[in-house]
Amino acid sequence: LFASHVIGGDISVIGLGSNQFKIKANIYRDDINGQVGMPANLTVGVYEKGTNNLVTTVNVPRINLSIVALGDLCYVPDPNSIKIEEGIFESASFFLPNYVSGYYVHTQIYARNTLAINVNTGTAGMSFYCEIPNPVMGLNSNPQFTNYPADAYFCLSSSKVFNFEVVDPDGDSLVYSLVTPLNSSGTNNGTVAGAGAYPYYPEVPWNTGSGFNLSNIVGGAIPMSINATTGDITAAPSLQGVFTFAVRVEEFRNGVKIGETRRDDELSHSPRL
């Protein structure tokens, strides 16, 4: 009943000034194998970092639904086999009080697409997560993932480089890293308070029996890696299949980390390369 076959997405906060914010989310689902349609609304929670106390719940309605344009000069996927649906969600403005430790923002969808071979998705959902600083520091927005890359696919046993386009509205310094994707807390859709220490939500288990882990995300002779400065991702899997991974974008101002956004995603290889 919960199998929406979501393959990825991200959530972020946009600063509007005077402690006013809005939330934006990009959600992607497998339009071929998905059993449940894209949700019309997301229920998003804003929590205090350090205490995990819920500050406010925000309704984030879907404002656009479309099919992602995929393919480049090397490879154009068969739309009868690979079709990605993109839902864009955006909230009305809401108020957040000053809080010295800042906040994290969360929603979750159950369940993940089960096609990935590098993680165990049998009981895995997906958490969408970001962090923002104390509003007292002034106007600030999270790094924003923009256009979904048309060439976001892997080349079998051949090195491939691609990039998720990210901009920072405030000109802060960005640092990219690959991280373990976040699981949902239980099987309910919506928002659930985090527990314990950062990143507060459980991680999706890697398929370690097949040798996959954070240091070996897709296998192959060239380990999947990301340039910390440019965000360029390089990978060359030796196996045919679908792979799940996550990109963390941390923002720094005057050498101090002030926030982060995560993009969770699932990519397959090109059968032509």
Protein backbone atom coordinates (compact mmCIF):
# COMPACT_ATOMS: atom_id res chain seq x y z
CA LEU A 1 0.00 0.00 0.00
CA PHE A 2 2.93 2.32 0.65
CA ALA A 3 5.02 1.29 -2.37
CA SER A 4 5.34 4.57 -4.26
CA HIS A 5 8.66 3.45 -5.78
CA VAL A 6 10.32 6.78 -5.14
CA ILE A 7 13.86 6.87 -6.54
CA GLY A 8 15.14 10.11 -5.02
CA GLY A 9 14.82 13.77 -4.28
CA ASP A 10 15.77 16.53 -1.89
CA ILE A 11 14.27 19.14 0.40
CA SER A 12 15.52 22.64 1.15
CA VAL A 13 14.60 25.89 2.89
CA ILE A 14 14.47 29.28 1.21
CA GLY A 15 14.98 32.36 3.39
CA LEU A 16 12.56 35.24 2.79
CA GLY A 17 13.82 37.60 5.54
CA SER A 18 12.63 38.59 9.05
CA ASN A 19 12.48 34.97 10.29
CA GLN A 20 10.25 34.05 7.34
CA PHE A 21 10.96 30.95 5.26
CA LYS A 22 9.42 28.59 2.74
CA ILE A 23 10.19 24.97 1.94
CA LYS A 24 10.87 23.52 -1.50
CA ALA A 25 11.19 19.84 -2.43
CA ASN A 26 11.98 17.91 -5.60
CA ILE A 27 10.70 14.31 -5.58
CA TYR A 28 11.43 11.70 -8.26
CA ARG A 29 9.59 8.43 -8.84
CA ASP A 30 9.84 5.51 -11.23
CA ASP A 31 6.95 6.15 -13.64
CA ILE A 32 7.26 2.67 -15.16
CA ASN A 33 7.32 0.47 -12.06
CA GLY A 34 5.65 2.78 -9.55
CA GLN A 35 2.48 1.46 -7.94
CA VAL A 36 1.34 4.66 -6.25
CA GLY A 37 1.28 8.12 -7.83
CA MET A 38 3.20 11.20 -6.80
CA PRO A 39 1.74 12.69 -3.60
CA ALA A 40 -0.22 15.93 -3.87
CA ASN A 41 1.21 17.30 -0.60
CA LEU A 42 4.13 16.70 1.74
CA THR A 43 3.91 17.05 5.51
CA VAL A 44 7.25 18.48 6.65
CA GLY A 45 8.52 18.90 10.20
CA VAL A 46 11.02 21.50 11.43
CA TYR A 47 12.99 20.39 14.49
CA GLU A 48 15.50 21.90 16.89
CA LYS A 49 18.99 20.54 16.39
CA GLY A 50 20.23 19.00 19.61
CA THR A 51 16.83 18.43 21.23
CA ASN A 52 14.84 16.94 18.31
CA ASN A 53 11.85 18.99 19.51
CA LEU A 54 9.23 19.69 16.85
CA VAL A 55 8.91 23.45 16.27
CA THR A 56 6.35 23.51 13.48
CA THR A 57 4.70 21.33 10.86
CA VAL A 58 4.46 22.73 7.34
CA ASN A 59 2.14 21.63 4.53
CA VAL A 60 4.05 21.67 1.24
CA PRO A 61 1.75 21.27 -1.79
CA ARG A 62 2.85 20.02 -5.17
CA ILE A 63 3.04 22.88 -7.68
CA ASN A 64 4.25 21.00 -10.76
CA LEU A 65 4.37 17.47 -12.17
CA SER A 66 6.36 16.51 -15.27
CA ILE A 67 8.53 13.87 -16.92
CA VAL A 68 12.29 14.44 -16.76
CA ALA A 69 14.02 14.85 -20.14
CA LEU A 70 16.76 12.22 -20.26
CA GLY A 71 19.50 11.44 -22.75
CA ASP A 72 22.44 13.01 -24.57
CA LEU A 73 24.47 12.38 -27.73
CA CYS A 74 25.76 9.09 -26.30
CA TYR A 75 22.56 7.53 -25.02
CA VAL A 76 18.81 8.15 -25.02
CA PRO A 77 16.88 5.73 -22.77
CA ASP A 78 13.83 3.90 -24.04
CA PRO A 79 10.88 5.78 -22.49
CA ASN A 80 9.02 2.49 -22.23
CA SER A 81 11.74 1.19 -19.89
CA ILE A 82 13.06 4.29 -18.10
CA LYS A 83 10.78 7.19 -17.28
CA ILE A 84 11.31 9.50 -14.30
CA GLU A 85 8.48 11.62 -12.94
CA GLU A 86 9.41 14.86 -11.17
CA GLY A 87 7.19 16.48 -8.57
CA ILE A 88 8.06 20.00 -7.42
CA PHE A 89 6.64 21.07 -4.07
CA GLU A 90 6.65 24.52 -2.45
CA SER A 91 5.09 25.86 0.74
CA ALA A 92 3.67 29.18 1.76
CA SER A 93 5.84 31.33 4.03
CA PHE A 94 6.12 30.44 7.72
CA PHE A 95 7.83 31.88 10.79
CA LEU A 96 10.74 30.38 12.74
CA PRO A 97 11.97 31.89 16.00
CA ASN A 98 15.66 32.41 16.69
CA TYR A 99 17.30 29.30 18.08
CA VAL A 100 21.02 29.17 18.72
CA SER A 101 21.67 25.63 17.41
CA GLY A 102 19.58 25.99 14.27
CA TYR A 103 17.10 23.52 12.83
CA TYR A 104 16.75 20.44 10.70
CA VAL A 105 13.88 19.82 8.30
CA HIS A 106 12.45 16.39 7.51
CA THR A 107 9.81 14.44 5.65
CA GLN A 108 9.72 10.83 4.56
CA ILE A 109 8.11 8.61 1.94
CA TYR A 110 7.73 4.85 2.07
CA ALA A 111 8.93 2.92 0.10
CA ARG A 112 12.02 3.05 -2.05
CA ASN A 113 12.21 1.50 -5.49
CA THR A 114 13.32 -2.09 -4.90
CA LEU A 115 15.42 -2.43 -8.07
CA ALA A 116 18.72 -1.21 -6.57
CA ILE A 117 21.37 -3.92 -6.20
CA ASN A 118 23.81 -2.07 -3.92
CA VAL A 119 21.47 -1.48 -0.95
CA ASN A 120 18.88 -3.60 0.84
CA THR A 121 15.56 -1.95 0.00
CA GLY A 122 13.19 -4.63 1.27
CA THR A 123 12.11 -2.54 4.28
CA ALA A 124 13.63 0.78 3.26
CA GLY A 125 11.89 4.09 2.85
CA MET A 126 13.39 7.49 2.14
CA SER A 127 14.04 10.47 4.40
CA PHE A 128 14.40 13.95 2.88
CA TYR A 129 16.56 16.08 5.14
CA CYS A 130 18.29 19.45 5.34
CA GLU A 131 19.71 21.79 7.99
CA ILE A 132 19.52 25.56 8.46
CA PRO A 133 21.28 27.89 10.94
CA ASN A 134 19.88 30.17 13.63
CA PRO A 135 17.67 32.74 11.81
CA VAL A 136 19.40 35.50 13.81
CA MET A 137 22.33 35.31 11.39
CA GLY A 138 20.21 36.94 8.68
CA LEU A 139 18.95 35.97 5.27
CA ASN A 140 20.01 32.48 4.23
CA SER A 141 18.80 29.70 1.96
CA ASN A 142 19.98 26.13 1.57
CA PRO A 143 22.03 25.10 -1.45
CA GLN A 144 19.46 24.40 -4.17
CA PHE A 145 19.50 21.41 -6.52
CA THR A 146 18.27 22.69 -9.88
CA ASN A 147 17.86 20.81 -13.18
CA TYR A 148 17.99 17.03 -13.11
CA PRO A 149 21.01 16.09 -15.29
CA ALA A 150 19.94 14.58 -18.61
CA ASP A 151 23.12 12.47 -18.68
CA ALA A 152 22.67 11.01 -15.20
CA TYR A 153 23.46 7.40 -16.01
CA PHE A 154 26.43 5.09 -15.54
CA CYS A 155 28.55 3.56 -18.31
CA LEU A 156 29.27 -0.15 -17.84
CA SER A 157 33.00 -0.69 -17.11
CA SER A 158 33.81 2.76 -18.48
CA SER A 159 34.38 5.95 -16.50
CA LYS A 160 31.48 8.40 -16.56
CA VAL A 161 31.40 11.92 -15.09
CA PHE A 162 28.21 13.87 -14.38
CA ASN A 163 27.05 16.62 -12.06
CA PHE A 164 23.91 17.51 -10.12
CA GLU A 165 23.53 21.23 -10.71
CA VAL A 166 23.57 23.11 -7.39
CA VAL A 167 23.42 26.83 -6.70
CA ASP A 168 23.62 28.75 -3.44
CA PRO A 169 21.46 31.91 -3.45
CA ASP A 170 23.71 33.55 -0.85
CA GLY A 171 27.08 32.83 -2.42
CA ASP A 172 28.24 30.60 0.44
CA SER A 173 31.07 28.10 -0.08
CA LEU A 174 29.87 24.59 -0.92
CA VAL A 175 31.51 21.26 -0.12
CA TYR A 176 30.28 18.04 -1.73
CA SER A 177 30.51 14.49 -0.41
CA LEU A 178 28.94 11.09 -0.97
CA VAL A 179 27.03 9.79 2.06
CA THR A 180 24.88 6.80 2.94
CA PRO A 181 21.23 7.43 1.97
CA LEU A 182 18.79 7.96 4.83
CA ASN A 183 16.03 5.47 5.55
CA SER A 184 12.56 6.35 6.79
CA SER A 185 11.61 5.88 10.44
CA GLY A 186 8.89 3.25 10.05
CA THR A 187 6.47 2.86 7.16
CA ASN A 188 4.36 6.00 7.56
CA ASN A 189 4.57 8.89 5.12
CA GLY A 190 5.06 12.38 6.52
CA THR A 191 7.36 13.61 9.23
CA VAL A 192 8.83 11.79 12.21
CA ALA A 193 11.07 13.29 14.89
CA GLY A 194 14.70 12.31 14.65
CA ALA A 195 16.49 10.49 17.45
CA GLY A 196 20.00 10.53 18.84
CA ALA A 197 22.82 12.36 17.11
CA TYR A 198 23.23 13.72 13.57
CA PRO A 199 21.93 12.75 11.07
CA TYR A 200 19.08 11.69 13.40
CA TYR A 201 17.52 9.20 10.97
CA PRO A 202 18.51 5.59 10.19
CA GLU A 203 20.68 4.84 7.19
CA VAL A 204 19.70 2.47 4.41
CA PRO A 205 21.70 -0.78 4.82
CA TRP A 206 24.29 -1.46 2.13
CA ASN A 207 24.26 -4.84 0.40
CA THR A 208 27.52 -5.78 2.07
CA GLY A 209 27.12 -9.44 1.09
CA SER A 210 27.82 -8.35 -2.49
CA GLY A 211 30.68 -6.10 -1.40
CA PHE A 212 28.89 -2.75 -1.51
CA ASN A 213 29.46 -0.04 1.09
CA LEU A 214 30.09 3.71 1.25
CA SER A 215 33.63 3.18 -0.04
CA ASN A 216 32.38 0.90 -2.82
CA ILE A 217 29.01 2.32 -3.84
CA VAL A 218 28.72 0.89 -7.36
CA GLY A 219 31.73 -1.45 -7.62
CA GLY A 220 34.11 -1.42 -10.55
CA ALA A 221 37.82 -0.71 -10.91
CA ILE A 222 37.29 3.03 -10.32
CA PRO A 223 35.47 3.63 -7.02
CA MET A 224 32.57 6.06 -7.25
CA SER A 225 33.78 9.47 -6.03
CA ILE A 226 32.78 13.12 -5.97
CA ASN A 227 34.91 16.23 -6.34
CA ALA A 228 34.46 18.12 -3.06
CA THR A 229 34.70 21.49 -4.81
CA THR A 230 32.90 21.03 -8.14
CA GLY A 231 30.43 18.26 -7.31
CA ASP A 232 31.51 16.21 -10.35
CA ILE A 233 30.68 12.54 -9.79
CA THR A 234 32.84 9.80 -11.35
CA ALA A 235 31.88 6.13 -11.50
CA ALA A 236 32.44 3.01 -13.61
CA PRO A 237 30.37 0.05 -12.35
CA SER A 238 31.34 -3.39 -13.63
CA LEU A 239 27.88 -4.87 -13.05
CA GLN A 240 24.66 -4.12 -14.88
CA GLY A 241 22.00 -2.82 -12.52
CA VAL A 242 20.44 0.03 -10.62
CA PHE A 243 22.40 1.78 -7.86
CA THR A 244 21.30 4.00 -4.96
CA PHE A 245 23.48 6.75 -3.48
CA ALA A 246 23.24 10.19 -1.83
CA VAL A 247 25.07 13.49 -2.30
CA ARG A 248 25.50 15.87 0.65
CA VAL A 249 26.10 19.56 -0.06
CA GLU A 250 27.34 21.49 2.98
CA GLU A 251 27.41 25.28 2.99
CA PHE A 252 30.07 27.29 4.80
CA ARG A 253 30.20 31.00 5.62
CA ASN A 254 33.44 32.51 6.93
CA GLY A 255 34.77 29.00 7.42
CA VAL A 256 31.83 27.86 9.58
CA LYS A 257 29.30 25.26 8.47
CA ILE A 258 25.81 26.78 8.50
CA GLY A 259 23.67 24.21 6.69
CA GLU A 260 23.37 21.28 4.33
CA THR A 261 21.12 19.70 1.73
CA ARG A 262 21.07 16.06 0.59
CA ARG A 263 20.06 14.61 -2.79
CA ASP A 264 19.07 10.96 -2.68
CA ASP A 265 19.08 9.25 -6.06
CA GLU A 266 19.00 5.99 -8.00
CA LEU A 267 20.74 5.54 -11.36
CA SER A 268 21.16 2.70 -13.81
CA HIS A 269 23.77 1.98 -16.46
CA SER A 270 23.53 2.66 -20.19
CA PRO A 271 23.19 -0.62 -22.11
CA ARG A 272 24.90 0.95 -25.11
CA LEU A 273 28.17 1.79 -23.41
